[in-house]
Amino acid sequence: MNDFRKLEDGIFASPQIDLDDIAQAQNLGVTLVINNRPEGESPDQIPGTDIEAAARAAGMDYVYIPVTHAGFSEGQVKAMVDALAGAAGPVLAYCRSGTRSTLLWSLAEASQGRNVDEIAAAAACGGYDVAPIRQLMEMLASRG
């Protein structure tokens, strides 16, 4: 079983998932799986197309928003906002460790004007630290 970390109601972040984890996600009521891991990042990673097929077979939606270690773009933040807004229920976002998924979720939330301290506290509940993007979150929140 994977390490699905609850950031808040309806939002989970996770390290790389495998096909068996789709059933666990389904048991949690997940309706959308967001893959934030670029294809080919490591030789042992499950291809996103396989995860997508399993998610769709289980009745879940799937969105691919790859995030490299180069950082985050406005397009990625917007794609995450759109994915979250379109979700019919709980969301599971994953990458190699769950960190990039959590950081992108945090940026998406901040871009919608959400309080940065609340976002940071939610991320911390899942064991993630948003300090590396705190300034960017504050800038986005001030615009939202």
N, C-alpha and C. Protein backbone atom coordinates (compact mmCIF):
# COMPACT_ATOMS: atom_id res chain seq x y z
N MET A 1 0.83 -1.19 0.00
CA MET A 1 0.00 0.00 0.00
C MET A 1 0.88 1.25 0.00
N ASN A 2 0.39 2.25 -0.64
CA ASN A 2 1.16 3.46 -0.79
C ASN A 2 0.96 4.40 0.39
N ASP A 3 1.70 5.46 0.34
CA ASP A 3 1.73 6.46 1.40
C ASP A 3 0.89 7.67 0.97
N PHE A 4 -0.43 7.52 0.94
CA PHE A 4 -1.30 8.64 0.59
C PHE A 4 -1.36 9.57 1.80
N ARG A 5 -0.96 10.81 1.60
CA ARG A 5 -0.94 11.77 2.70
C ARG A 5 -2.05 12.78 2.52
N LYS A 6 -2.91 12.87 3.52
CA LYS A 6 -4.03 13.79 3.46
C LYS A 6 -3.54 15.20 3.77
N LEU A 7 -3.72 16.10 2.81
CA LEU A 7 -3.38 17.50 3.04
C LEU A 7 -4.55 18.22 3.68
N GLU A 8 -5.73 17.87 3.23
CA GLU A 8 -6.98 18.37 3.81
C GLU A 8 -8.10 17.51 3.24
N ASP A 9 -9.33 17.75 3.66
CA ASP A 9 -10.43 16.94 3.14
C ASP A 9 -10.45 17.00 1.62
N GLY A 10 -10.40 15.84 1.02
CA GLY A 10 -10.52 15.74 -0.42
C GLY A 10 -9.24 15.93 -1.21
N ILE A 11 -8.10 16.12 -0.52
CA ILE A 11 -6.83 16.31 -1.22
C ILE A 11 -5.77 15.40 -0.60
N PHE A 12 -5.23 14.53 -1.44
CA PHE A 12 -4.15 13.63 -1.02
C PHE A 12 -2.95 13.84 -1.93
N ALA A 13 -1.75 13.76 -1.35
CA ALA A 13 -0.51 13.77 -2.12
C ALA A 13 0.20 12.46 -1.83
N SER A 14 0.97 11.99 -2.80
CA SER A 14 1.60 10.69 -2.64
C SER A 14 2.89 10.59 -3.42
N PRO A 15 3.82 9.78 -2.89
CA PRO A 15 4.93 9.37 -3.73
C PRO A 15 4.39 8.50 -4.87
N GLN A 16 5.27 8.13 -5.80
CA GLN A 16 4.89 7.32 -6.95
C GLN A 16 3.91 6.21 -6.57
N ILE A 17 2.83 6.10 -7.30
CA ILE A 17 1.85 5.05 -7.05
C ILE A 17 2.08 3.92 -8.06
N ASP A 18 1.52 2.76 -7.73
CA ASP A 18 1.53 1.66 -8.68
C ASP A 18 0.10 1.26 -8.98
N LEU A 19 -0.07 0.28 -9.83
CA LEU A 19 -1.41 -0.08 -10.29
C LEU A 19 -2.30 -0.55 -9.15
N ASP A 20 -1.74 -1.24 -8.17
CA ASP A 20 -2.53 -1.71 -7.03
C ASP A 20 -3.04 -0.55 -6.17
N ASP A 21 -2.37 0.57 -6.21
CA ASP A 21 -2.77 1.72 -5.40
C ASP A 21 -4.06 2.37 -5.92
N ILE A 22 -4.42 2.10 -7.16
CA ILE A 22 -5.66 2.66 -7.70
C ILE A 22 -6.86 2.16 -6.90
N ALA A 23 -6.84 0.91 -6.49
CA ALA A 23 -7.94 0.36 -5.67
C ALA A 23 -7.99 1.07 -4.33
N GLN A 24 -6.84 1.35 -3.73
CA GLN A 24 -6.82 2.08 -2.46
C GLN A 24 -7.39 3.48 -2.66
N ALA A 25 -7.00 4.12 -3.74
CA ALA A 25 -7.52 5.46 -4.03
C ALA A 25 -9.04 5.41 -4.21
N GLN A 26 -9.50 4.39 -4.90
CA GLN A 26 -10.94 4.23 -5.12
C GLN A 26 -11.68 4.06 -3.78
N ASN A 27 -11.07 3.31 -2.87
CA ASN A 27 -11.66 3.11 -1.54
C ASN A 27 -11.76 4.41 -0.75
N LEU A 28 -10.87 5.36 -1.05
CA LEU A 28 -10.90 6.67 -0.40
C LEU A 28 -11.88 7.62 -1.09
N GLY A 29 -12.50 7.16 -2.17
CA GLY A 29 -13.45 7.99 -2.90
C GLY A 29 -12.81 8.90 -3.93
N VAL A 30 -11.52 8.70 -4.22
CA VAL A 30 -10.82 9.54 -5.18
C VAL A 30 -11.53 9.47 -6.54
N THR A 31 -11.76 10.65 -7.11
CA THR A 31 -12.39 10.73 -8.44
C THR A 31 -11.44 11.25 -9.50
N LEU A 32 -10.29 11.79 -9.07
CA LEU A 32 -9.31 12.34 -10.00
C LEU A 32 -7.90 12.01 -9.52
N VAL A 33 -7.10 11.45 -10.44
CA VAL A 33 -5.69 11.20 -10.18
C VAL A 33 -4.91 12.20 -11.02
N ILE A 34 -4.01 12.95 -10.36
CA ILE A 34 -3.17 13.92 -11.06
C ILE A 34 -1.73 13.43 -10.99
N ASN A 35 -1.14 13.21 -12.16
CA ASN A 35 0.24 12.75 -12.27
C ASN A 35 1.13 13.97 -12.50
N ASN A 36 1.99 14.27 -11.53
CA ASN A 36 2.92 15.39 -11.65
C ASN A 36 4.34 14.93 -11.94
N ARG A 37 4.49 13.66 -12.28
CA ARG A 37 5.84 13.11 -12.50
C ARG A 37 6.12 13.01 -14.00
N PRO A 38 7.20 13.64 -14.47
CA PRO A 38 7.55 13.51 -15.89
C PRO A 38 7.85 12.06 -16.25
N GLU A 39 7.45 11.66 -17.42
CA GLU A 39 7.74 10.30 -17.89
C GLU A 39 9.25 10.10 -18.01
N GLY A 40 9.70 8.90 -17.67
CA GLY A 40 11.11 8.57 -17.81
C GLY A 40 12.02 9.18 -16.76
N GLU A 41 11.45 9.67 -15.67
CA GLU A 41 12.27 10.29 -14.63
C GLU A 41 13.19 9.26 -13.96
N SER A 42 12.70 8.05 -13.84
CA SER A 42 13.54 6.97 -13.31
C SER A 42 13.11 5.66 -13.97
N PRO A 43 14.04 4.72 -14.09
CA PRO A 43 13.72 3.48 -14.80
C PRO A 43 12.68 2.60 -14.11
N ASP A 44 12.50 2.77 -12.81
CA ASP A 44 11.56 1.91 -12.08
C ASP A 44 10.15 2.51 -11.97
N GLN A 45 9.92 3.66 -12.59
CA GLN A 45 8.61 4.30 -12.42
C GLN A 45 7.57 3.64 -13.33
N ILE A 46 6.35 3.55 -12.81
CA ILE A 46 5.22 3.01 -13.59
C ILE A 46 4.84 4.07 -14.62
N PRO A 47 4.74 3.69 -15.90
CA PRO A 47 4.36 4.68 -16.92
C PRO A 47 3.00 5.32 -16.60
N GLY A 48 2.92 6.61 -16.84
CA GLY A 48 1.68 7.33 -16.60
C GLY A 48 0.52 6.77 -17.40
N THR A 49 0.80 6.26 -18.59
CA THR A 49 -0.28 5.69 -19.40
C THR A 49 -0.89 4.47 -18.73
N ASP A 50 -0.06 3.70 -18.01
CA ASP A 50 -0.58 2.53 -17.28
C ASP A 50 -1.44 2.98 -16.10
N ILE A 51 -0.97 4.00 -15.38
CA ILE A 51 -1.75 4.54 -14.26
C ILE A 51 -3.07 5.12 -14.79
N GLU A 52 -2.98 5.86 -15.89
CA GLU A 52 -4.19 6.44 -16.47
C GLU A 52 -5.20 5.37 -16.84
N ALA A 53 -4.74 4.30 -17.49
CA ALA A 53 -5.66 3.22 -17.89
C ALA A 53 -6.32 2.59 -16.67
N ALA A 54 -5.55 2.36 -15.61
CA ALA A 54 -6.10 1.76 -14.39
C ALA A 54 -7.09 2.70 -13.72
N ALA A 55 -6.75 3.98 -13.67
CA ALA A 55 -7.65 4.96 -13.05
C ALA A 55 -8.96 5.05 -13.82
N ARG A 56 -8.86 5.15 -15.12
CA ARG A 56 -10.08 5.25 -15.93
C ARG A 56 -10.91 3.97 -15.85
N ALA A 57 -10.26 2.82 -15.79
CA ALA A 57 -10.99 1.55 -15.63
C ALA A 57 -11.73 1.51 -14.30
N ALA A 58 -11.20 2.22 -13.30
CA ALA A 58 -11.83 2.28 -11.98
C ALA A 58 -12.85 3.42 -11.88
N GLY A 59 -13.08 4.12 -12.99
CA GLY A 59 -14.07 5.19 -13.01
C GLY A 59 -13.56 6.53 -12.56
N MET A 60 -12.25 6.69 -12.53
CA MET A 60 -11.65 7.96 -12.11
C MET A 60 -11.17 8.74 -13.32
N ASP A 61 -11.11 10.05 -13.16
CA ASP A 61 -10.49 10.89 -14.17
C ASP A 61 -8.99 10.91 -13.92
N TYR A 62 -8.24 11.36 -14.93
CA TYR A 62 -6.78 11.39 -14.86
C TYR A 62 -6.29 12.63 -15.58
N VAL A 63 -5.36 13.35 -14.96
CA VAL A 63 -4.76 14.53 -15.57
C VAL A 63 -3.25 14.43 -15.42
N TYR A 64 -2.54 14.79 -16.48
CA TYR A 64 -1.08 14.76 -16.48
C TYR A 64 -0.55 16.19 -16.51
N ILE A 65 0.09 16.60 -15.41
CA ILE A 65 0.71 17.93 -15.31
C ILE A 65 2.15 17.70 -14.82
N PRO A 66 3.06 17.36 -15.73
CA PRO A 66 4.42 17.05 -15.29
C PRO A 66 5.15 18.27 -14.75
N VAL A 67 5.89 18.04 -13.67
CA VAL A 67 6.69 19.08 -13.03
C VAL A 67 8.11 18.55 -12.91
N THR A 68 9.06 19.23 -13.54
CA THR A 68 10.46 18.84 -13.42
C THR A 68 11.08 19.60 -12.25
N HIS A 69 12.32 19.30 -12.00
CA HIS A 69 13.02 19.99 -10.91
C HIS A 69 13.42 21.41 -11.31
N ALA A 70 13.08 21.81 -12.53
CA ALA A 70 13.38 23.17 -12.99
C ALA A 70 12.48 24.20 -12.33
N GLY A 71 11.39 23.77 -11.74
CA GLY A 71 10.50 24.70 -11.06
C GLY A 71 9.10 24.68 -11.65
N PHE A 72 8.33 25.67 -11.28
CA PHE A 72 6.92 25.73 -11.62
C PHE A 72 6.65 26.87 -12.59
N SER A 73 5.75 26.62 -13.53
CA SER A 73 5.37 27.65 -14.49
C SER A 73 3.94 28.10 -14.22
N GLU A 74 3.62 29.26 -14.76
CA GLU A 74 2.25 29.75 -14.64
C GLU A 74 1.27 28.77 -15.28
N GLY A 75 1.68 28.16 -16.39
CA GLY A 75 0.82 27.18 -17.06
C GLY A 75 0.52 25.97 -16.20
N GLN A 76 1.52 25.50 -15.47
CA GLN A 76 1.32 24.36 -14.58
C GLN A 76 0.36 24.73 -13.45
N VAL A 77 0.54 25.91 -12.88
CA VAL A 77 -0.34 26.35 -11.79
C VAL A 77 -1.77 26.45 -12.30
N LYS A 78 -1.96 27.03 -13.48
CA LYS A 78 -3.31 27.16 -14.06
C LYS A 78 -3.91 25.78 -14.34
N ALA A 79 -3.10 24.87 -14.87
CA ALA A 79 -3.58 23.52 -15.14
C ALA A 79 -4.03 22.82 -13.86
N MET A 80 -3.29 23.05 -12.77
CA MET A 80 -3.66 22.45 -11.48
C MET A 80 -4.95 23.08 -10.96
N VAL A 81 -5.07 24.40 -11.07
CA VAL A 81 -6.31 25.08 -10.66
C VAL A 81 -7.49 24.48 -11.42
N ASP A 82 -7.34 24.34 -12.73
CA ASP A 82 -8.42 23.82 -13.56
C ASP A 82 -8.76 22.37 -13.20
N ALA A 83 -7.74 21.56 -12.97
CA ALA A 83 -7.96 20.16 -12.61
C ALA A 83 -8.71 20.05 -11.29
N LEU A 84 -8.27 20.82 -10.30
CA LEU A 84 -8.94 20.78 -8.99
C LEU A 84 -10.37 21.29 -9.09
N ALA A 85 -10.57 22.34 -9.86
CA ALA A 85 -11.92 22.91 -10.01
C ALA A 85 -12.86 21.94 -10.71
N GLY A 86 -12.31 21.12 -11.60
CA GLY A 86 -13.14 20.19 -12.35
C GLY A 86 -13.35 18.84 -11.69
N ALA A 87 -12.70 18.63 -10.56
CA ALA A 87 -12.80 17.33 -9.88
C ALA A 87 -14.20 17.14 -9.29
N ALA A 88 -14.72 15.94 -9.46
CA ALA A 88 -16.05 15.61 -8.96
C ALA A 88 -16.01 15.13 -7.51
N GLY A 89 -14.83 15.02 -6.95
CA GLY A 89 -14.69 14.52 -5.58
C GLY A 89 -13.23 14.58 -5.17
N PRO A 90 -12.83 13.74 -4.23
CA PRO A 90 -11.45 13.75 -3.74
C PRO A 90 -10.42 13.55 -4.85
N VAL A 91 -9.24 14.15 -4.62
CA VAL A 91 -8.16 14.16 -5.61
C VAL A 91 -6.91 13.54 -4.99
N LEU A 92 -6.22 12.74 -5.80
CA LEU A 92 -4.91 12.20 -5.43
C LEU A 92 -3.91 12.72 -6.45
N ALA A 93 -2.92 13.48 -5.98
CA ALA A 93 -1.83 13.95 -6.84
C ALA A 93 -0.56 13.24 -6.43
N TYR A 94 0.23 12.80 -7.42
CA TYR A 94 1.46 12.09 -7.08
C TYR A 94 2.62 12.53 -7.97
N CYS A 95 3.82 12.31 -7.42
CA CYS A 95 5.06 12.51 -8.15
C CYS A 95 6.05 11.50 -7.54
N ARG A 96 7.32 11.77 -7.58
CA ARG A 96 8.29 10.81 -7.02
C ARG A 96 8.17 10.71 -5.51
N SER A 97 8.06 11.85 -4.82
CA SER A 97 7.99 11.83 -3.36
C SER A 97 6.70 12.43 -2.80
N GLY A 98 5.93 13.09 -3.66
CA GLY A 98 4.74 13.81 -3.23
C GLY A 98 5.01 15.29 -3.02
N THR A 99 6.28 15.68 -2.98
CA THR A 99 6.62 17.07 -2.71
C THR A 99 6.20 17.99 -3.84
N ARG A 100 6.56 17.66 -5.07
CA ARG A 100 6.18 18.54 -6.19
C ARG A 100 4.66 18.65 -6.31
N SER A 101 3.96 17.55 -6.06
CA SER A 101 2.49 17.59 -6.11
C SER A 101 1.95 18.53 -5.04
N THR A 102 2.51 18.44 -3.84
CA THR A 102 2.06 19.32 -2.75
C THR A 102 2.39 20.77 -3.05
N LEU A 103 3.58 21.03 -3.56
CA LEU A 103 3.96 22.41 -3.87
C LEU A 103 3.09 22.98 -4.98
N LEU A 104 2.80 22.18 -6.00
CA LEU A 104 1.95 22.68 -7.08
C LEU A 104 0.53 22.92 -6.57
N TRP A 105 0.02 22.04 -5.74
CA TRP A 105 -1.30 22.25 -5.12
C TRP A 105 -1.28 23.55 -4.32
N SER A 106 -0.21 23.77 -3.55
CA SER A 106 -0.09 24.98 -2.74
C SER A 106 -0.10 26.24 -3.59
N LEU A 107 0.62 26.21 -4.70
CA LEU A 107 0.64 27.36 -5.61
C LEU A 107 -0.73 27.59 -6.22
N ALA A 108 -1.40 26.51 -6.59
CA ALA A 108 -2.75 26.63 -7.17
C ALA A 108 -3.70 27.25 -6.16
N GLU A 109 -3.63 26.80 -4.93
CA GLU A 109 -4.50 27.35 -3.89
C GLU A 109 -4.19 28.83 -3.65
N ALA A 110 -2.91 29.16 -3.57
CA ALA A 110 -2.52 30.55 -3.35
C ALA A 110 -2.98 31.44 -4.50
N SER A 111 -2.91 30.92 -5.71
CA SER A 111 -3.31 31.72 -6.87
C SER A 111 -4.79 32.05 -6.86
N GLN A 112 -5.54 31.32 -6.06
CA GLN A 112 -6.97 31.57 -5.92
C GLN A 112 -7.27 32.46 -4.72
N GLY A 113 -6.22 33.01 -4.10
CA GLY A 113 -6.38 33.96 -3.01
C GLY A 113 -6.48 33.35 -1.63
N ARG A 114 -6.22 32.06 -1.52
CA ARG A 114 -6.32 31.40 -0.22
C ARG A 114 -5.19 31.86 0.70
N ASN A 115 -5.46 31.88 1.97
CA ASN A 115 -4.49 32.29 2.98
C ASN A 115 -3.28 31.36 2.96
N VAL A 116 -2.10 31.95 2.83
CA VAL A 116 -0.87 31.18 2.70
C VAL A 116 -0.56 30.39 3.97
N ASP A 117 -0.86 30.92 5.13
CA ASP A 117 -0.63 30.19 6.38
C ASP A 117 -1.50 28.93 6.45
N GLU A 118 -2.74 29.04 5.99
CA GLU A 118 -3.63 27.87 5.95
C GLU A 118 -3.08 26.80 5.02
N ILE A 119 -2.60 27.22 3.86
CA ILE A 119 -2.05 26.28 2.89
C ILE A 119 -0.83 25.58 3.49
N ALA A 120 0.06 26.37 4.09
CA ALA A 120 1.28 25.81 4.69
C ALA A 120 0.94 24.82 5.80
N ALA A 121 -0.07 25.13 6.59
CA ALA A 121 -0.49 24.22 7.67
C ALA A 121 -1.04 22.92 7.10
N ALA A 122 -1.82 23.01 6.03
CA ALA A 122 -2.36 21.80 5.40
C ALA A 122 -1.23 20.94 4.84
N ALA A 123 -0.28 21.57 4.18
CA ALA A 123 0.86 20.82 3.64
C ALA A 123 1.65 20.16 4.75
N ALA A 124 1.84 20.88 5.85
CA ALA A 124 2.58 20.34 7.00
C ALA A 124 1.86 19.13 7.59
N CYS A 125 0.54 19.13 7.56
CA CYS A 125 -0.23 17.97 8.05
C CYS A 125 0.13 16.71 7.26
N GLY A 126 0.47 16.89 6.00
CA GLY A 126 0.88 15.77 5.17
C GLY A 126 2.37 15.48 5.24
N GLY A 127 3.09 16.30 6.01
CA GLY A 127 4.52 16.08 6.14
C GLY A 127 5.35 16.82 5.11
N TYR A 128 4.77 17.82 4.47
CA TYR A 128 5.48 18.57 3.43
C TYR A 128 5.71 20.01 3.87
N ASP A 129 6.84 20.57 3.43
CA ASP A 129 7.24 21.93 3.79
C ASP A 129 7.16 22.82 2.55
N VAL A 130 6.40 23.89 2.63
CA VAL A 130 6.25 24.81 1.50
C VAL A 130 7.24 25.98 1.55
N ALA A 131 8.16 25.97 2.51
CA ALA A 131 9.10 27.09 2.65
C ALA A 131 9.82 27.46 1.35
N PRO A 132 10.23 26.49 0.52
CA PRO A 132 10.94 26.87 -0.70
C PRO A 132 10.11 27.71 -1.68
N ILE A 133 8.81 27.66 -1.57
CA ILE A 133 7.96 28.43 -2.50
C ILE A 133 7.10 29.46 -1.78
N ARG A 134 7.41 29.72 -0.53
CA ARG A 134 6.58 30.62 0.28
C ARG A 134 6.44 32.01 -0.36
N GLN A 135 7.53 32.57 -0.84
CA GLN A 135 7.45 33.91 -1.45
C GLN A 135 6.56 33.90 -2.68
N LEU A 136 6.70 32.87 -3.50
CA LEU A 136 5.87 32.76 -4.70
C LEU A 136 4.40 32.59 -4.32
N MET A 137 4.13 31.81 -3.29
CA MET A 137 2.75 31.65 -2.80
C MET A 137 2.17 33.00 -2.37
N GLU A 138 2.96 33.77 -1.63
CA GLU A 138 2.47 35.07 -1.15
C GLU A 138 2.20 36.02 -2.31
N MET A 139 3.07 35.98 -3.33
CA MET A 139 2.86 36.82 -4.50
C MET A 139 1.57 36.42 -5.23
N LEU A 140 1.39 35.12 -5.42
CA LEU A 140 0.17 34.64 -6.10
C LEU A 140 -1.08 34.96 -5.29
N ALA A 141 -0.99 34.78 -3.97
CA ALA A 141 -2.16 35.06 -3.11
C ALA A 141 -2.54 36.53 -3.15
N SER A 142 -1.55 37.39 -3.26
CA SER A 142 -1.84 38.82 -3.29
C SER A 142 -2.54 39.22 -4.61
N ARG A 143 -2.33 38.44 -5.65
CA ARG A 143 -3.00 38.68 -6.92
C ARG A 143 -4.39 38.08 -6.97
N GLY A 144 -4.55 36.95 -6.23
CA GLY A 144 -5.80 36.20 -6.28
C GLY A 144 -6.90 36.93 -5.62
